[in-house]
Amino acid sequence: MSDLTTLANVKSWLTITDTAADTILTRLISAASAFLINWLNRQVTQATYTAEKYNGNGKTSLRAKNWPIQSISSLVVNGVTVQASPDGLSNGYVFDDKYIYLLGANVNSFPPGVFGKGIMNVSVTYVAGYATTPLDIEQACIELVSLKFKERSRVGIQSQQVPGQASVTYSPRDLGKDTKAMLQNYRAVTPS
């Protein structure tokens, strides 16, 4: 798993110019990145997925587990290799950012041109993810790191009364409403 931001970007956001906090900030960047990837329920950075298995669904399209799809190097349905459509119109497969589509006749399926129903009978090797982290995801990571960095002195404290002053209540949330809204478009959800 790759970090979703850099130490330099976090330090710039926090206006830190020395190296005293570099170790803790680096640790927080990795922890915040892992938290966001788990919350999004998918990888974000570009990677190769080799022979990823799917159940054939009897439809002309199949949604990839990871996205955006950048390229497909192999598609096998029911043990038969399907070639890419040479022109996007004739027999073979095409894809967009999330889906793989079959065009024309597909070998070993009934009816033709669909991902034949079956258990783990479709295998795909492909590259998916973003070459660089989208800015809104990176900003969410920077803000989460900043929040955790600033809150480290009050871990476990939800409210505080300062003599002669007003009381302060701290929010126990990891992600604020605007951050969740910003990330929602990238979240992988399981259909019900």
Protein backbone atom coordinates (compact mmCIF):
# COMPACT_ATOMS: atom_id res chain seq x y z
CA MET A 1 0.00 0.00 0.00
CA SER A 2 1.26 3.44 -0.91
CA ASP A 3 0.88 6.56 1.16
CA LEU A 4 -1.72 9.00 -0.16
CA THR A 5 0.35 12.13 0.47
CA THR A 6 3.90 13.23 1.18
CA LEU A 7 5.68 14.50 4.25
CA ALA A 8 6.45 17.76 2.40
CA ASN A 9 2.76 18.39 1.64
CA VAL A 10 1.70 17.71 5.25
CA LYS A 11 4.43 19.98 6.63
CA SER A 12 3.41 22.71 4.19
CA TRP A 13 -0.24 22.44 5.35
CA LEU A 14 0.82 22.56 9.00
CA THR A 15 3.40 25.31 8.29
CA ILE A 16 6.18 23.24 9.87
CA THR A 17 9.66 24.14 8.66
CA ASP A 18 11.91 22.04 10.92
CA THR A 19 12.42 18.27 11.05
CA ALA A 20 11.54 17.69 14.72
CA ALA A 21 8.15 16.09 13.96
CA ASP A 22 9.14 14.21 10.78
CA THR A 23 9.10 10.76 12.38
CA ILE A 24 5.64 11.11 13.91
CA LEU A 25 4.23 12.80 10.79
CA THR A 26 5.58 10.01 8.57
CA ARG A 27 3.92 7.44 10.84
CA LEU A 28 0.65 9.40 10.82
CA ILE A 29 0.73 9.64 7.01
CA SER A 30 0.97 5.85 6.73
CA ALA A 31 -1.75 5.33 9.35
CA ALA A 32 -4.10 7.91 7.77
CA SER A 33 -3.50 6.42 4.31
CA ALA A 34 -4.38 2.93 5.57
CA PHE A 35 -7.47 4.28 7.35
CA LEU A 36 -8.71 6.05 4.19
CA ILE A 37 -8.05 3.06 1.94
CA ASN A 38 -10.02 0.86 4.35
CA TRP A 39 -12.81 3.44 4.52
CA LEU A 40 -12.91 3.69 0.72
CA ASN A 41 -12.96 -0.12 0.60
CA ARG A 42 -10.49 -0.24 -2.30
CA GLN A 43 -6.98 0.59 -3.42
CA VAL A 44 -6.49 4.02 -4.93
CA THR A 45 -2.95 3.97 -6.28
CA GLN A 46 -2.18 2.24 -9.56
CA ALA A 47 -1.36 -1.47 -9.39
CA THR A 48 -1.46 -4.61 -11.52
CA TYR A 49 -4.06 -7.23 -10.62
CA THR A 50 -3.07 -10.65 -11.93
CA ALA A 51 -5.62 -13.35 -12.79
CA GLU A 52 -8.31 -11.76 -10.61
CA LYS A 53 -11.26 -14.19 -10.51
CA TYR A 54 -14.94 -13.34 -10.99
CA ASN A 55 -18.18 -15.25 -11.18
CA GLY A 56 -19.69 -15.05 -14.66
CA ASN A 57 -22.96 -13.12 -14.35
CA GLY A 58 -24.75 -13.94 -17.61
CA LYS A 59 -24.55 -10.27 -18.68
CA THR A 60 -22.57 -8.36 -21.31
CA SER A 61 -20.73 -6.31 -18.67
CA LEU A 62 -18.68 -7.12 -15.58
CA ARG A 63 -17.60 -4.56 -12.98
CA ALA A 64 -13.94 -4.72 -12.01
CA LYS A 65 -13.08 -4.87 -8.31
CA ASN A 66 -10.50 -2.11 -8.74
CA TRP A 67 -10.83 1.09 -10.74
CA PRO A 68 -10.28 3.17 -12.77
CA ILE A 69 -9.19 0.48 -15.23
CA GLN A 70 -6.13 1.66 -17.17
CA SER A 71 -5.46 -1.42 -19.32
CA ILE A 72 -6.34 -5.11 -19.64
CA SER A 73 -3.67 -7.61 -20.64
CA SER A 74 -5.70 -10.82 -20.35
CA LEU A 75 -9.36 -11.81 -20.22
CA VAL A 76 -10.28 -15.50 -19.97
CA VAL A 77 -13.91 -16.68 -19.89
CA ASN A 78 -14.66 -20.37 -19.31
CA GLY A 79 -11.03 -21.24 -20.05
CA VAL A 80 -10.95 -19.44 -23.41
CA THR A 81 -8.93 -16.25 -23.99
CA VAL A 82 -10.99 -13.33 -25.31
CA GLN A 83 -9.13 -10.76 -27.40
CA ALA A 84 -9.63 -7.01 -27.24
CA SER A 85 -12.00 -5.65 -29.88
CA PRO A 86 -9.72 -4.13 -32.53
CA ASP A 87 -12.06 -1.23 -33.28
CA GLY A 88 -14.43 -1.08 -30.31
CA LEU A 89 -17.27 -2.43 -32.46
CA SER A 90 -16.35 -5.96 -33.51
CA ASN A 91 -16.07 -9.15 -31.45
CA GLY A 92 -13.93 -9.01 -28.34
CA TYR A 93 -13.86 -6.89 -25.21
CA VAL A 94 -13.75 -3.18 -24.48
CA PHE A 95 -13.64 -1.39 -21.14
CA ASP A 96 -14.26 1.93 -19.47
CA ASP A 97 -13.09 3.09 -16.06
CA LYS A 98 -15.11 0.48 -14.09
CA TYR A 99 -16.59 -2.09 -16.47
CA ILE A 100 -15.44 -4.71 -18.97
CA TYR A 101 -17.88 -5.23 -21.86
CA LEU A 102 -18.15 -8.13 -24.28
CA LEU A 103 -19.01 -7.35 -27.89
CA GLY A 104 -20.33 -9.89 -30.37
CA ALA A 105 -20.03 -13.62 -29.88
CA ASN A 106 -18.26 -14.82 -26.77
CA VAL A 107 -16.86 -18.32 -26.78
CA ASN A 108 -18.42 -20.92 -24.50
CA SER A 109 -21.34 -18.85 -23.29
CA PHE A 110 -25.04 -19.03 -23.83
CA PRO A 111 -26.46 -16.75 -24.99
CA PRO A 112 -23.44 -15.54 -27.02
CA GLY A 113 -21.73 -12.27 -26.04
CA VAL A 114 -22.16 -12.57 -22.28
CA PHE A 115 -19.96 -13.51 -19.35
CA GLY A 116 -21.30 -17.07 -19.08
CA LYS A 117 -22.72 -17.84 -15.65
CA GLY A 118 -20.33 -19.79 -13.48
CA ILE A 119 -18.29 -19.77 -10.33
CA MET A 120 -14.87 -18.12 -10.71
CA ASN A 121 -15.00 -18.80 -14.46
CA VAL A 122 -13.74 -15.35 -15.49
CA SER A 123 -10.10 -14.35 -15.02
CA VAL A 124 -8.78 -10.85 -15.70
CA THR A 125 -5.27 -9.40 -15.53
CA TYR A 126 -5.36 -5.62 -15.60
CA VAL A 127 -3.89 -2.35 -14.35
CA ALA A 128 -6.18 -0.12 -12.31
CA GLY A 129 -5.95 2.86 -10.00
CA TYR A 130 -4.68 6.40 -10.23
CA ALA A 131 -1.09 7.13 -11.32
CA THR A 132 -1.14 10.05 -8.87
CA THR A 133 -3.48 10.36 -5.91
CA PRO A 134 -6.49 12.59 -6.74
CA LEU A 135 -6.11 15.94 -4.99
CA ASP A 136 -9.30 15.60 -2.96
CA ILE A 137 -8.19 12.22 -1.58
CA GLU A 138 -4.73 13.61 -0.83
CA GLN A 139 -6.26 16.62 0.92
CA ALA A 140 -8.46 14.35 3.05
CA CYS A 141 -5.31 12.46 4.07
CA ILE A 142 -3.45 15.71 4.86
CA GLU A 143 -6.35 16.94 6.99
CA LEU A 144 -6.63 13.63 8.86
CA VAL A 145 -2.87 13.63 9.56
CA SER A 146 -3.11 17.25 10.74
CA LEU A 147 -6.06 16.48 13.00
CA LYS A 148 -4.32 13.49 14.59
CA PHE A 149 -1.06 15.43 14.95
CA LYS A 150 -2.76 18.33 16.73
CA GLU A 151 -4.92 16.04 18.91
CA ARG A 152 -2.09 13.82 20.14
CA SER A 153 -1.82 15.79 23.39
CA ARG A 154 -5.47 15.22 24.25
CA VAL A 155 -5.92 11.54 23.35
CA GLY A 156 -8.78 10.15 25.42
CA ILE A 157 -10.07 13.59 26.47
CA GLN A 158 -13.51 14.54 25.12
CA SER A 159 -13.98 17.74 27.09
CA GLN A 160 -11.86 20.01 29.21
CA GLN A 161 -12.64 22.74 31.77
CA VAL A 162 -10.04 25.46 32.10
CA PRO A 163 -10.40 27.40 35.40
CA GLY A 164 -11.83 30.85 34.76
CA GLN A 165 -12.56 30.07 31.10
CA ALA A 166 -15.19 28.29 29.06
CA SER A 167 -15.15 24.54 28.69
CA VAL A 168 -13.99 22.96 25.43
CA THR A 169 -15.54 19.83 23.90
CA TYR A 170 -13.58 17.88 21.29
CA SER A 171 -15.15 15.93 18.45
CA PRO A 172 -14.34 12.20 18.55
CA ARG A 173 -14.85 11.81 14.75
CA ASP A 174 -12.06 10.75 12.41
CA LEU A 175 -13.66 12.15 9.27
CA GLY A 176 -15.76 15.27 9.17
CA LYS A 177 -18.95 15.64 7.08
CA ASP A 178 -17.26 17.57 4.26
CA THR A 179 -14.37 15.11 4.09
CA LYS A 180 -16.77 12.15 3.85
CA ALA A 181 -18.75 13.93 1.13
CA MET A 182 -15.53 14.65 -0.77
CA LEU A 183 -14.45 10.99 -0.61
CA GLN A 184 -17.85 9.41 -1.31
CA ASN A 185 -17.31 9.35 -5.10
CA TYR A 186 -14.25 7.14 -4.65
CA ARG A 187 -15.78 4.68 -2.19
CA ALA A 188 -16.42 1.14 -3.35
CA VAL A 189 -19.78 -0.06 -2.10
CA THR A 190 -21.13 -3.55 -2.16
CA PRO A 191 -24.49 -3.75 -3.93
CA SER A 192 -27.29 -5.13 -1.78
